[in-house]
């Protein structure tokens, strides 16, 4: 299973690199679903583990007073300003098989990290990229209540129900959508209007 997940990580990175290679210059400066981050900040963030040494990461964390989110934001903004889109793209494509995993997350965590941020970009840009359902299923299978707590997601009174996978989460009024869109809901993202269906869909769209 681990090797299957690592293969999925590599495939996801390569496919994202292909998408990024086709962007117009102005799209690199377009907003994403990550609040306050353009495409270039998101790519700077996802490629940071490939580019930064452990010493640099520890120093950045100390400067952020131990706040991981603050460190991530500062690093993404710094590197997005310092690196060209071509350099960011190369950092992703050249590290498709990089073994990085988030602390305590293992290969599943790496896959979730890449899939979610890839969707931040493509959904934010309105691109019709569909992550393979089996890949999304692997990510959804690893989601736990602690993940929702991390993102501050409130699903009170709502059941998320995928229209393209045999998957649901929560109890209450059904909110239906593609599995990849519901994954974004779990991660606290607000989606463009029309991507979800259900009486309470408006809670998760704008």
N, C-alpha and C. Protein backbone atom coordinates (compact mmCIF):
# COMPACT_ATOMS: atom_id res chain seq x y z
N UNK A 1 0.82 -1.20 0.00
CA UNK A 1 0.00 0.00 0.00
C UNK A 1 0.86 1.26 0.00
N UNK A 2 1.94 1.26 0.80
CA UNK A 2 2.80 2.44 0.86
C UNK A 2 3.37 2.78 -0.50
N UNK A 3 3.81 1.76 -1.24
CA UNK A 3 4.36 2.02 -2.57
C UNK A 3 3.29 2.55 -3.51
N UNK A 4 2.06 2.08 -3.36
CA UNK A 4 0.96 2.59 -4.18
C UNK A 4 0.73 4.07 -3.89
N UNK A 5 0.80 4.44 -2.61
CA UNK A 5 0.58 5.84 -2.24
C UNK A 5 1.71 6.71 -2.76
N UNK A 6 2.94 6.22 -2.65
CA UNK A 6 4.08 6.99 -3.18
C UNK A 6 3.96 7.17 -4.69
N UNK A 7 3.48 6.15 -5.38
CA UNK A 7 3.28 6.27 -6.82
C UNK A 7 2.20 7.31 -7.12
N UNK A 8 1.17 7.36 -6.28
CA UNK A 8 0.12 8.35 -6.46
C UNK A 8 0.65 9.76 -6.23
N UNK A 9 1.53 9.92 -5.24
CA UNK A 9 2.15 11.22 -4.97
C UNK A 9 2.94 11.69 -6.19
N UNK A 10 3.76 10.81 -6.74
CA UNK A 10 4.57 11.17 -7.90
C UNK A 10 3.69 11.53 -9.09
N UNK A 11 2.63 10.75 -9.30
CA UNK A 11 1.73 11.04 -10.42
C UNK A 11 1.03 12.39 -10.22
N UNK A 12 0.61 12.68 -9.00
CA UNK A 12 -0.05 13.95 -8.72
C UNK A 12 0.88 15.12 -8.99
N UNK A 13 2.12 15.01 -8.56
CA UNK A 13 3.07 16.11 -8.79
C UNK A 13 3.34 16.31 -10.27
N UNK A 14 3.48 15.24 -11.00
CA UNK A 14 3.74 15.36 -12.44
C UNK A 14 2.55 15.98 -13.16
N UNK A 15 1.35 15.56 -12.78
CA UNK A 15 0.15 16.10 -13.43
C UNK A 15 -0.03 17.58 -13.09
N UNK A 16 0.25 17.94 -11.84
CA UNK A 16 0.18 19.35 -11.48
C UNK A 16 1.22 20.17 -12.26
N UNK A 17 2.41 19.62 -12.43
CA UNK A 17 3.43 20.32 -13.20
C UNK A 17 2.97 20.56 -14.63
N UNK A 18 2.29 19.59 -15.21
CA UNK A 18 1.77 19.75 -16.56
C UNK A 18 0.73 20.88 -16.61
N UNK A 19 -0.12 20.94 -15.60
CA UNK A 19 -1.12 22.02 -15.54
C UNK A 19 -0.43 23.37 -15.42
N UNK A 20 0.53 23.46 -14.52
CA UNK A 20 1.22 24.74 -14.30
C UNK A 20 1.98 25.18 -15.54
N UNK A 21 2.53 24.22 -16.27
CA UNK A 21 3.28 24.56 -17.48
C UNK A 21 2.39 25.22 -18.53
N UNK A 22 1.10 24.96 -18.46
CA UNK A 22 0.18 25.53 -19.43
C UNK A 22 -0.46 26.85 -19.01
N UNK A 23 -0.10 27.35 -17.84
CA UNK A 23 -0.69 28.60 -17.38
C UNK A 23 -0.12 29.80 -18.12
N UNK A 24 -0.95 30.80 -18.30
CA UNK A 24 -0.48 32.08 -18.82
C UNK A 24 0.26 32.81 -17.71
N UNK A 25 1.20 33.69 -18.04
CA UNK A 25 1.96 34.40 -16.99
C UNK A 25 1.07 35.05 -15.94
N UNK A 26 -0.02 35.66 -16.36
CA UNK A 26 -0.88 36.34 -15.41
C UNK A 26 -1.57 35.41 -14.44
N UNK A 27 -1.76 34.16 -14.84
CA UNK A 27 -2.44 33.21 -13.95
C UNK A 27 -1.59 32.84 -12.74
N UNK A 28 -0.30 32.98 -12.85
CA UNK A 28 0.56 32.72 -11.69
C UNK A 28 0.30 33.73 -10.57
N UNK A 29 -0.26 34.87 -10.92
CA UNK A 29 -0.55 35.89 -9.93
C UNK A 29 -2.04 35.94 -9.58
N UNK A 30 -2.80 34.94 -10.03
CA UNK A 30 -4.23 34.88 -9.74
C UNK A 30 -4.46 34.27 -8.35
N UNK A 31 -5.56 34.65 -7.69
CA UNK A 31 -5.84 34.11 -6.36
C UNK A 31 -6.23 32.64 -6.43
N UNK A 32 -6.02 31.94 -5.33
CA UNK A 32 -6.39 30.53 -5.19
C UNK A 32 -7.38 30.41 -4.04
N UNK A 33 -7.74 29.19 -3.71
CA UNK A 33 -8.62 28.97 -2.56
C UNK A 33 -7.90 29.13 -1.23
N UNK A 34 -6.57 29.17 -1.26
CA UNK A 34 -5.79 29.47 -0.05
C UNK A 34 -5.86 30.97 0.19
N UNK A 35 -6.49 31.37 1.26
CA UNK A 35 -6.74 32.77 1.52
C UNK A 35 -5.45 33.58 1.52
N UNK A 36 -5.36 34.56 0.62
CA UNK A 36 -4.21 35.44 0.56
C UNK A 36 -3.06 34.94 -0.28
N UNK A 37 -3.16 33.74 -0.81
CA UNK A 37 -2.08 33.19 -1.63
C UNK A 37 -2.49 33.13 -3.10
N UNK A 38 -1.59 33.60 -3.94
CA UNK A 38 -1.73 33.41 -5.37
C UNK A 38 -1.19 32.03 -5.75
N UNK A 39 -1.27 31.72 -7.03
CA UNK A 39 -0.74 30.43 -7.49
C UNK A 39 0.72 30.29 -7.09
N UNK A 40 1.50 31.34 -7.27
CA UNK A 40 2.94 31.22 -7.00
C UNK A 40 3.23 30.97 -5.52
N UNK A 41 2.42 31.53 -4.61
CA UNK A 41 2.64 31.24 -3.19
C UNK A 41 2.30 29.78 -2.87
N UNK A 42 1.25 29.27 -3.49
CA UNK A 42 0.89 27.87 -3.24
C UNK A 42 1.99 26.94 -3.71
N UNK A 43 2.52 27.19 -4.91
CA UNK A 43 3.59 26.33 -5.44
C UNK A 43 4.86 26.51 -4.62
N UNK A 44 5.13 27.72 -4.18
CA UNK A 44 6.29 27.93 -3.31
C UNK A 44 6.14 27.12 -2.03
N UNK A 45 4.93 27.05 -1.51
CA UNK A 45 4.67 26.29 -0.28
C UNK A 45 4.84 24.79 -0.51
N UNK A 46 4.24 24.26 -1.58
CA UNK A 46 4.30 22.81 -1.78
C UNK A 46 5.70 22.33 -2.15
N UNK A 47 6.51 23.20 -2.70
CA UNK A 47 7.87 22.80 -3.07
C UNK A 47 8.91 23.16 -2.02
N UNK A 48 8.50 23.86 -0.97
CA UNK A 48 9.46 24.24 0.07
C UNK A 48 10.23 23.05 0.64
N UNK A 49 9.56 21.91 0.93
CA UNK A 49 10.32 20.79 1.51
C UNK A 49 11.41 20.26 0.58
N UNK A 50 11.29 20.51 -0.72
CA UNK A 50 12.30 20.04 -1.67
C UNK A 50 13.48 21.00 -1.74
N UNK A 51 13.24 22.24 -1.34
CA UNK A 51 14.25 23.29 -1.55
C UNK A 51 14.95 23.74 -0.27
N UNK A 52 14.32 23.54 0.87
CA UNK A 52 14.85 24.08 2.12
C UNK A 52 15.56 23.00 2.94
N UNK A 53 16.69 23.34 3.50
CA UNK A 53 17.40 22.42 4.38
C UNK A 53 16.70 22.36 5.73
N UNK A 54 17.01 21.34 6.50
CA UNK A 54 16.43 21.23 7.84
C UNK A 54 16.82 22.43 8.69
N UNK A 55 18.07 22.87 8.56
CA UNK A 55 18.54 24.02 9.34
C UNK A 55 17.73 25.27 9.00
N UNK A 56 17.47 25.47 7.70
CA UNK A 56 16.69 26.64 7.29
C UNK A 56 15.26 26.56 7.82
N UNK A 57 14.70 25.37 7.78
CA UNK A 57 13.34 25.19 8.27
C UNK A 57 13.25 25.48 9.77
N UNK A 58 14.21 24.97 10.53
CA UNK A 58 14.23 25.21 11.97
C UNK A 58 14.39 26.69 12.26
N UNK A 59 15.26 27.37 11.53
CA UNK A 59 15.46 28.80 11.72
C UNK A 59 14.18 29.57 11.43
N UNK A 60 13.50 29.22 10.34
CA UNK A 60 12.25 29.89 10.00
C UNK A 60 11.19 29.66 11.08
N UNK A 61 11.18 28.46 11.64
CA UNK A 61 10.21 28.16 12.69
C UNK A 61 10.51 28.96 13.95
N UNK A 62 11.77 29.11 14.28
CA UNK A 62 12.16 29.92 15.44
C UNK A 62 11.75 31.37 15.23
N UNK A 63 11.98 31.88 14.03
CA UNK A 63 11.60 33.27 13.72
C UNK A 63 10.10 33.47 13.82
N UNK A 64 9.35 32.40 13.54
CA UNK A 64 7.89 32.47 13.63
C UNK A 64 7.39 32.13 15.03
N UNK A 65 8.30 32.05 15.98
CA UNK A 65 7.98 31.75 17.39
C UNK A 65 7.20 30.44 17.53
N UNK A 66 7.60 29.46 16.71
CA UNK A 66 7.01 28.14 16.81
C UNK A 66 5.66 27.97 16.15
N UNK A 67 5.17 29.01 15.51
CA UNK A 67 3.87 28.94 14.85
C UNK A 67 4.07 28.41 13.42
N UNK A 68 3.65 27.17 13.18
CA UNK A 68 3.88 26.53 11.88
C UNK A 68 3.15 27.27 10.76
N UNK A 69 1.92 27.70 11.04
CA UNK A 69 1.17 28.40 10.00
C UNK A 69 1.81 29.74 9.64
N UNK A 70 2.30 30.45 10.66
CA UNK A 70 2.98 31.72 10.38
C UNK A 70 4.26 31.47 9.59
N UNK A 71 4.99 30.43 9.95
CA UNK A 71 6.21 30.10 9.22
C UNK A 71 5.89 29.77 7.76
N UNK A 72 4.85 28.97 7.54
CA UNK A 72 4.48 28.58 6.18
C UNK A 72 4.11 29.78 5.35
N UNK A 73 3.36 30.70 5.94
CA UNK A 73 2.94 31.90 5.20
C UNK A 73 4.13 32.78 4.85
N UNK A 74 5.00 33.00 5.81
CA UNK A 74 6.18 33.84 5.55
C UNK A 74 7.09 33.21 4.49
N UNK A 75 7.30 31.91 4.61
CA UNK A 75 8.18 31.22 3.65
C UNK A 75 7.59 31.26 2.25
N UNK A 76 6.28 31.04 2.14
CA UNK A 76 5.64 31.03 0.83
C UNK A 76 5.74 32.40 0.18
N UNK A 77 5.50 33.45 0.93
CA UNK A 77 5.56 34.80 0.38
C UNK A 77 6.99 35.19 0.01
N UNK A 78 7.93 34.81 0.84
CA UNK A 78 9.34 35.11 0.56
C UNK A 78 9.80 34.42 -0.71
N UNK A 79 9.53 33.13 -0.82
CA UNK A 79 10.02 32.36 -1.97
C UNK A 79 9.25 32.69 -3.25
N UNK A 80 7.97 33.03 -3.11
CA UNK A 80 7.20 33.41 -4.29
C UNK A 80 7.74 34.70 -4.90
N UNK A 81 8.26 35.57 -4.04
CA UNK A 81 8.83 36.82 -4.53
C UNK A 81 10.24 36.62 -5.09
N UNK A 82 10.96 35.63 -4.59
CA UNK A 82 12.36 35.44 -4.98
C UNK A 82 12.53 34.55 -6.20
N UNK A 83 11.58 33.64 -6.44
CA UNK A 83 11.74 32.66 -7.50
C UNK A 83 10.79 32.95 -8.66
N UNK A 84 11.23 32.67 -9.86
CA UNK A 84 10.38 32.84 -11.03
C UNK A 84 9.39 31.68 -11.13
N UNK A 85 8.38 31.85 -11.95
CA UNK A 85 7.44 30.76 -12.16
C UNK A 85 8.14 29.55 -12.75
N UNK A 86 9.12 29.77 -13.63
CA UNK A 86 9.86 28.65 -14.21
C UNK A 86 10.64 27.89 -13.14
N UNK A 87 11.21 28.60 -12.21
CA UNK A 87 11.96 27.95 -11.13
C UNK A 87 11.03 27.16 -10.21
N UNK A 88 9.88 27.72 -9.91
CA UNK A 88 8.91 27.03 -9.07
C UNK A 88 8.40 25.77 -9.77
N UNK A 89 8.12 25.90 -11.06
CA UNK A 89 7.66 24.74 -11.83
C UNK A 89 8.72 23.65 -11.85
N UNK A 90 9.97 24.03 -12.05
CA UNK A 90 11.06 23.04 -12.08
C UNK A 90 11.20 22.35 -10.72
N UNK A 91 11.01 23.11 -9.65
CA UNK A 91 11.13 22.51 -8.31
C UNK A 91 10.08 21.44 -8.10
N UNK A 92 8.90 21.63 -8.68
CA UNK A 92 7.85 20.62 -8.57
C UNK A 92 8.13 19.43 -9.48
N UNK A 93 8.40 19.71 -10.74
CA UNK A 93 8.58 18.61 -11.70
C UNK A 93 9.80 17.76 -11.37
N UNK A 94 10.88 18.39 -10.94
CA UNK A 94 12.12 17.65 -10.68
C UNK A 94 12.08 16.85 -9.39
N UNK A 95 11.04 17.05 -8.59
CA UNK A 95 10.96 16.36 -7.30
C UNK A 95 9.71 15.50 -7.18
N UNK A 96 9.26 14.99 -8.31
CA UNK A 96 8.04 14.17 -8.29
C UNK A 96 8.17 12.98 -7.36
N UNK A 97 9.34 12.42 -7.26
CA UNK A 97 9.53 11.23 -6.42
C UNK A 97 10.24 11.55 -5.10
N UNK A 98 10.31 12.82 -4.74
CA UNK A 98 10.95 13.21 -3.48
C UNK A 98 10.23 12.52 -2.31
N UNK A 99 10.97 11.97 -1.35
CA UNK A 99 10.35 11.18 -0.27
C UNK A 99 9.76 11.99 0.88
N UNK A 100 9.73 13.33 0.78
CA UNK A 100 9.22 14.14 1.90
C UNK A 100 7.83 13.70 2.33
N UNK A 101 7.63 13.69 3.65
CA UNK A 101 6.31 13.50 4.23
C UNK A 101 6.15 14.51 5.36
N UNK A 102 4.95 14.99 5.61
CA UNK A 102 4.74 15.93 6.71
C UNK A 102 4.93 15.22 8.05
N UNK A 103 5.34 15.94 9.08
CA UNK A 103 5.55 15.31 10.39
C UNK A 103 4.34 14.51 10.84
N UNK A 104 4.56 13.22 11.07
CA UNK A 104 3.49 12.36 11.53
C UNK A 104 2.47 11.96 10.49
N UNK A 105 2.68 12.41 9.24
CA UNK A 105 1.66 12.16 8.22
C UNK A 105 1.95 11.00 7.30
N UNK A 106 3.23 10.64 7.16
CA UNK A 106 3.59 9.54 6.27
C UNK A 106 3.23 9.85 4.83
N UNK A 107 3.34 8.86 3.95
CA UNK A 107 3.02 9.06 2.52
C UNK A 107 1.59 9.54 2.29
N UNK A 108 0.64 9.05 3.10
CA UNK A 108 -0.74 9.53 2.95
C UNK A 108 -0.82 11.03 3.20
N UNK A 109 -0.06 11.50 4.16
CA UNK A 109 -0.05 12.93 4.45
C UNK A 109 0.53 13.73 3.31
N UNK A 110 1.57 13.20 2.69
CA UNK A 110 2.16 13.87 1.53
C UNK A 110 1.17 13.94 0.37
N UNK A 111 0.44 12.85 0.15
CA UNK A 111 -0.54 12.83 -0.93
C UNK A 111 -1.65 13.84 -0.65
N UNK A 112 -2.14 13.87 0.58
CA UNK A 112 -3.19 14.83 0.93
C UNK A 112 -2.71 16.26 0.72
N UNK A 113 -1.50 16.54 1.17
CA UNK A 113 -0.92 17.88 1.04
C UNK A 113 -0.89 18.31 -0.42
N UNK A 114 -0.43 17.43 -1.29
CA UNK A 114 -0.30 17.78 -2.70
C UNK A 114 -1.66 17.87 -3.39
N UNK A 115 -2.54 16.93 -3.13
CA UNK A 115 -3.86 16.95 -3.79
C UNK A 115 -4.65 18.19 -3.37
N UNK A 116 -4.68 18.48 -2.09
CA UNK A 116 -5.46 19.62 -1.60
C UNK A 116 -4.94 20.93 -2.18
N UNK A 117 -3.64 21.13 -2.13
CA UNK A 117 -3.11 22.39 -2.65
C UNK A 117 -3.20 22.45 -4.18
N UNK A 118 -3.13 21.31 -4.84
CA UNK A 118 -3.35 21.33 -6.28
C UNK A 118 -4.76 21.78 -6.61
N UNK A 119 -5.74 21.32 -5.83
CA UNK A 119 -7.12 21.74 -6.02
C UNK A 119 -7.31 23.21 -5.66
N UNK A 120 -6.57 23.69 -4.67
CA UNK A 120 -6.62 25.12 -4.36
C UNK A 120 -6.33 25.95 -5.62
N UNK A 121 -5.39 25.46 -6.40
CA UNK A 121 -5.00 26.18 -7.61
C UNK A 121 -6.03 26.00 -8.71
N UNK A 122 -6.34 24.76 -9.05
CA UNK A 122 -7.19 24.53 -10.23
C UNK A 122 -8.62 25.00 -10.02
N UNK A 123 -9.19 24.76 -8.84
CA UNK A 123 -10.54 25.25 -8.58
C UNK A 123 -10.53 26.77 -8.49
N UNK A 124 -9.50 27.32 -7.86
CA UNK A 124 -9.40 28.78 -7.78
C UNK A 124 -9.33 29.43 -9.15
N UNK A 125 -8.66 28.78 -10.09
CA UNK A 125 -8.52 29.31 -11.45
C UNK A 125 -9.69 28.94 -12.35
N UNK A 126 -10.58 28.08 -11.86
CA UNK A 126 -11.69 27.64 -12.68
C UNK A 126 -11.30 26.64 -13.74
N UNK A 127 -10.22 25.90 -13.51
CA UNK A 127 -9.77 24.89 -14.46
C UNK A 127 -10.50 23.57 -14.21
N UNK A 128 -10.84 22.88 -15.27
CA UNK A 128 -11.61 21.64 -15.14
C UNK A 128 -10.68 20.45 -15.03
N UNK A 129 -9.88 20.43 -13.97
CA UNK A 129 -9.02 19.29 -13.73
C UNK A 129 -9.68 18.36 -12.72
N UNK A 130 -9.79 17.09 -13.07
CA UNK A 130 -10.35 16.10 -12.18
C UNK A 130 -9.24 15.19 -11.68
N UNK A 131 -9.00 15.22 -10.39
CA UNK A 131 -8.04 14.30 -9.79
C UNK A 131 -8.64 12.90 -9.89
N UNK A 132 -7.86 11.88 -10.28
CA UNK A 132 -8.40 10.53 -10.37
C UNK A 132 -9.15 10.14 -9.10
N UNK A 133 -10.36 9.61 -9.23
CA UNK A 133 -11.18 9.31 -8.05
C UNK A 133 -10.49 8.41 -7.03
N UNK A 134 -9.70 7.45 -7.51
CA UNK A 134 -9.03 6.56 -6.56
C UNK A 134 -7.99 7.31 -5.73
N UNK A 135 -7.45 8.36 -6.30
CA UNK A 135 -6.47 9.18 -5.56
C UNK A 135 -7.19 10.01 -4.50
N UNK A 136 -8.32 10.59 -4.88
CA UNK A 136 -9.11 11.35 -3.91
C UNK A 136 -9.60 10.43 -2.79
N UNK A 137 -9.98 9.21 -3.15
CA UNK A 137 -10.46 8.25 -2.15
C UNK A 137 -9.37 7.95 -1.12
N UNK A 138 -8.13 7.84 -1.57
CA UNK A 138 -7.03 7.60 -0.63
C UNK A 138 -6.90 8.74 0.36
N UNK A 139 -7.06 9.97 -0.12
CA UNK A 139 -6.96 11.13 0.77
C UNK A 139 -8.13 11.16 1.74
N UNK A 140 -9.34 10.96 1.23
CA UNK A 140 -10.51 10.99 2.09
C UNK A 140 -10.45 9.91 3.16
N UNK A 141 -9.91 8.76 2.82
CA UNK A 141 -9.82 7.67 3.78
C UNK A 141 -8.93 8.03 4.97
N UNK A 142 -8.02 8.95 4.77
CA UNK A 142 -7.12 9.34 5.84
C UNK A 142 -7.59 10.53 6.65
N UNK A 143 -8.73 11.14 6.30
CA UNK A 143 -9.22 12.31 7.02
C UNK A 143 -9.83 11.89 8.35
N UNK A 144 -9.50 12.61 9.40
CA UNK A 144 -9.96 12.32 10.75
C UNK A 144 -10.53 13.59 11.39
N UNK A 145 -11.28 13.45 12.48
CA UNK A 145 -11.80 14.65 13.16
C UNK A 145 -10.71 15.67 13.50
N UNK A 146 -9.52 15.21 13.79
CA UNK A 146 -8.44 16.16 14.12
C UNK A 146 -8.08 17.02 12.91
N UNK A 147 -8.25 16.47 11.69
CA UNK A 147 -8.00 17.26 10.50
C UNK A 147 -9.01 18.40 10.39
N UNK A 148 -10.28 18.08 10.65
CA UNK A 148 -11.31 19.11 10.61
C UNK A 148 -11.05 20.17 11.68
N UNK A 149 -10.60 19.72 12.84
CA UNK A 149 -10.30 20.68 13.91
C UNK A 149 -9.16 21.60 13.50
N UNK A 150 -8.15 21.04 12.82
CA UNK A 150 -7.02 21.85 12.36
C UNK A 150 -7.48 22.95 11.41
N UNK A 151 -8.40 22.59 10.50
CA UNK A 151 -8.88 23.56 9.51
C UNK A 151 -10.03 24.42 10.03
N UNK A 152 -10.55 24.09 11.21
CA UNK A 152 -11.66 24.86 11.76
C UNK A 152 -12.97 24.62 11.03
N UNK A 153 -13.14 23.44 10.45
CA UNK A 153 -14.33 23.14 9.66
C UNK A 153 -15.50 22.75 10.56
N UNK A 154 -16.63 23.42 10.38
CA UNK A 154 -17.84 23.13 11.15
C UNK A 154 -18.85 22.43 10.26
N UNK A 155 -19.09 21.16 10.52
CA UNK A 155 -20.04 20.38 9.75
C UNK A 155 -21.30 20.06 10.55
N UNK A 156 -21.58 20.85 11.57
CA UNK A 156 -22.75 20.60 12.40
C UNK A 156 -24.01 20.57 11.54
N UNK A 157 -24.76 19.48 11.67
CA UNK A 157 -26.03 19.37 10.97
C UNK A 157 -25.93 19.08 9.49
N UNK A 158 -24.74 18.65 9.04
CA UNK A 158 -24.52 18.44 7.61
C UNK A 158 -23.91 17.07 7.35
N UNK A 159 -24.39 16.41 6.32
CA UNK A 159 -23.74 15.20 5.82
C UNK A 159 -23.17 15.51 4.44
N UNK A 160 -21.88 15.37 4.28
CA UNK A 160 -21.27 15.51 2.96
C UNK A 160 -21.44 14.19 2.22
N UNK A 161 -21.94 14.26 1.00
CA UNK A 161 -22.21 13.03 0.25
C UNK A 161 -21.66 13.16 -1.17
N UNK A 162 -20.68 12.32 -1.50
CA UNK A 162 -20.04 12.40 -2.81
C UNK A 162 -20.95 11.85 -3.89
N UNK A 163 -20.90 12.49 -5.05
CA UNK A 163 -21.71 12.04 -6.19
C UNK A 163 -20.94 11.12 -7.12
N UNK A 164 -19.63 11.02 -6.93
CA UNK A 164 -18.81 10.20 -7.82
C UNK A 164 -18.02 9.11 -7.11
N UNK A 165 -18.20 9.01 -5.79
CA UNK A 165 -17.58 7.96 -5.00
C UNK A 165 -18.59 7.48 -3.96
N UNK A 166 -18.42 6.28 -3.48
CA UNK A 166 -19.25 5.77 -2.39
C UNK A 166 -18.65 6.28 -1.08
N UNK A 167 -18.92 7.54 -0.78
CA UNK A 167 -18.31 8.18 0.39
C UNK A 167 -19.25 9.23 0.95
N UNK A 168 -19.34 9.27 2.26
CA UNK A 168 -20.09 10.32 2.94
C UNK A 168 -19.42 10.59 4.28
N UNK A 169 -19.75 11.73 4.86
CA UNK A 169 -19.14 12.11 6.14
C UNK A 169 -20.12 13.01 6.88
N UNK A 170 -20.32 12.71 8.16
CA UNK A 170 -21.18 13.53 8.99
C UNK A 170 -22.62 13.07 8.97
N UNK A 171 -23.46 13.78 9.72
CA UNK A 171 -24.90 13.48 9.79
C UNK A 171 -25.68 14.77 9.71
N UNK A 172 -26.82 14.70 9.02
CA UNK A 172 -27.66 15.89 8.90
C UNK A 172 -28.14 16.08 7.48
N UNK A 173 -28.41 17.32 7.12
CA UNK A 173 -28.86 17.63 5.77
C UNK A 173 -27.76 17.31 4.76
N UNK A 174 -28.08 16.57 3.69
CA UNK A 174 -27.04 16.22 2.72
C UNK A 174 -26.58 17.42 1.89
N UNK A 175 -25.28 17.54 1.76
CA UNK A 175 -24.66 18.48 0.82
C UNK A 175 -23.88 17.63 -0.16
N UNK A 176 -24.27 17.68 -1.42
CA UNK A 176 -23.70 16.79 -2.43
C UNK A 176 -22.72 17.53 -3.33
N UNK A 177 -21.73 16.79 -3.78
CA UNK A 177 -20.76 17.34 -4.70
C UNK A 177 -19.75 16.29 -5.08
N UNK A 178 -18.86 16.62 -5.98
CA UNK A 178 -17.80 15.68 -6.32
C UNK A 178 -16.93 15.43 -5.10
N UNK A 179 -16.30 14.28 -5.06
CA UNK A 179 -15.45 13.94 -3.92
C UNK A 179 -14.35 14.97 -3.72
N UNK A 180 -13.76 15.46 -4.81
CA UNK A 180 -12.66 16.41 -4.64
C UNK A 180 -13.18 17.75 -4.10
N UNK A 181 -14.39 18.14 -4.48
CA UNK A 181 -14.94 19.37 -3.92
C UNK A 181 -15.27 19.20 -2.44
N UNK A 182 -15.78 18.04 -2.07
CA UNK A 182 -16.08 17.80 -0.66
C UNK A 182 -14.81 17.70 0.18
N UNK A 183 -13.74 17.22 -0.42
CA UNK A 183 -12.45 17.22 0.27
C UNK A 183 -12.05 18.66 0.62
N UNK A 184 -12.26 19.57 -0.31
CA UNK A 184 -11.95 20.97 -0.04
C UNK A 184 -12.84 21.54 1.07
N UNK A 185 -14.10 21.12 1.10
CA UNK A 185 -14.98 21.54 2.18
C UNK A 185 -14.43 21.07 3.52
N UNK A 186 -14.01 19.81 3.59
CA UNK A 186 -13.42 19.28 4.83
C UNK A 186 -12.24 20.12 5.28
N UNK A 187 -11.52 20.68 4.32
CA UNK A 187 -10.32 21.45 4.63
C UNK A 187 -10.61 22.94 4.80
N UNK A 188 -11.87 23.28 4.96
CA UNK A 188 -12.23 24.65 5.28
C UNK A 188 -12.22 25.62 4.12
N UNK A 189 -12.18 25.13 2.90
CA UNK A 189 -12.21 26.02 1.74
C UNK A 189 -13.65 26.38 1.39
N UNK A 190 -13.84 27.59 0.88
CA UNK A 190 -15.12 28.00 0.34
C UNK A 190 -15.05 27.89 -1.17
N UNK A 191 -16.02 27.20 -1.74
CA UNK A 191 -16.01 26.90 -3.17
C UNK A 191 -16.82 27.92 -3.96
N UNK A 192 -16.54 28.02 -5.24
CA UNK A 192 -17.38 28.87 -6.10
C UNK A 192 -18.82 28.37 -6.09
N UNK A 193 -19.76 29.30 -6.19
CA UNK A 193 -21.18 28.94 -6.20
C UNK A 193 -21.48 27.97 -7.33
N UNK A 194 -22.39 27.05 -7.07
CA UNK A 194 -22.82 26.11 -8.08
C UNK A 194 -22.12 24.78 -8.07
N UNK A 195 -21.06 24.64 -7.26
CA UNK A 195 -20.31 23.38 -7.25
C UNK A 195 -20.89 22.36 -6.26
N UNK A 196 -21.76 22.82 -5.36
CA UNK A 196 -22.37 21.93 -4.38
C UNK A 196 -23.88 22.02 -4.48
N UNK A 197 -24.55 20.96 -4.03
CA UNK A 197 -26.00 20.92 -4.07
C UNK A 197 -26.53 20.52 -2.70
N UNK A 198 -27.61 21.15 -2.29
CA UNK A 198 -28.21 20.82 -1.00
C UNK A 198 -28.66 22.08 -0.29
N UNK A 199 -29.58 21.91 0.66
CA UNK A 199 -30.18 23.05 1.34
C UNK A 199 -29.14 23.91 2.07
N UNK A 200 -28.08 23.26 2.55
CA UNK A 200 -27.06 24.01 3.31
C UNK A 200 -25.76 24.20 2.52
N UNK A 201 -25.84 24.01 1.22
CA UNK A 201 -24.63 24.15 0.40
C UNK A 201 -24.04 25.55 0.50
N UNK A 202 -24.89 26.55 0.70
CA UNK A 202 -24.41 27.93 0.75
C UNK A 202 -23.46 28.20 1.89
N UNK A 203 -23.44 27.34 2.90
CA UNK A 203 -22.48 27.50 4.00
C UNK A 203 -21.04 27.35 3.53
N UNK A 204 -20.87 26.64 2.42
CA UNK A 204 -19.52 26.28 2.00
C UNK A 204 -19.14 26.87 0.63
N UNK A 205 -19.96 27.80 0.14
CA UNK A 205 -19.68 28.44 -1.14
C UNK A 205 -19.71 29.95 -0.99
N UNK A 206 -19.30 30.62 -2.03
CA UNK A 206 -19.38 32.09 -2.03
C UNK A 206 -19.80 32.59 -3.40
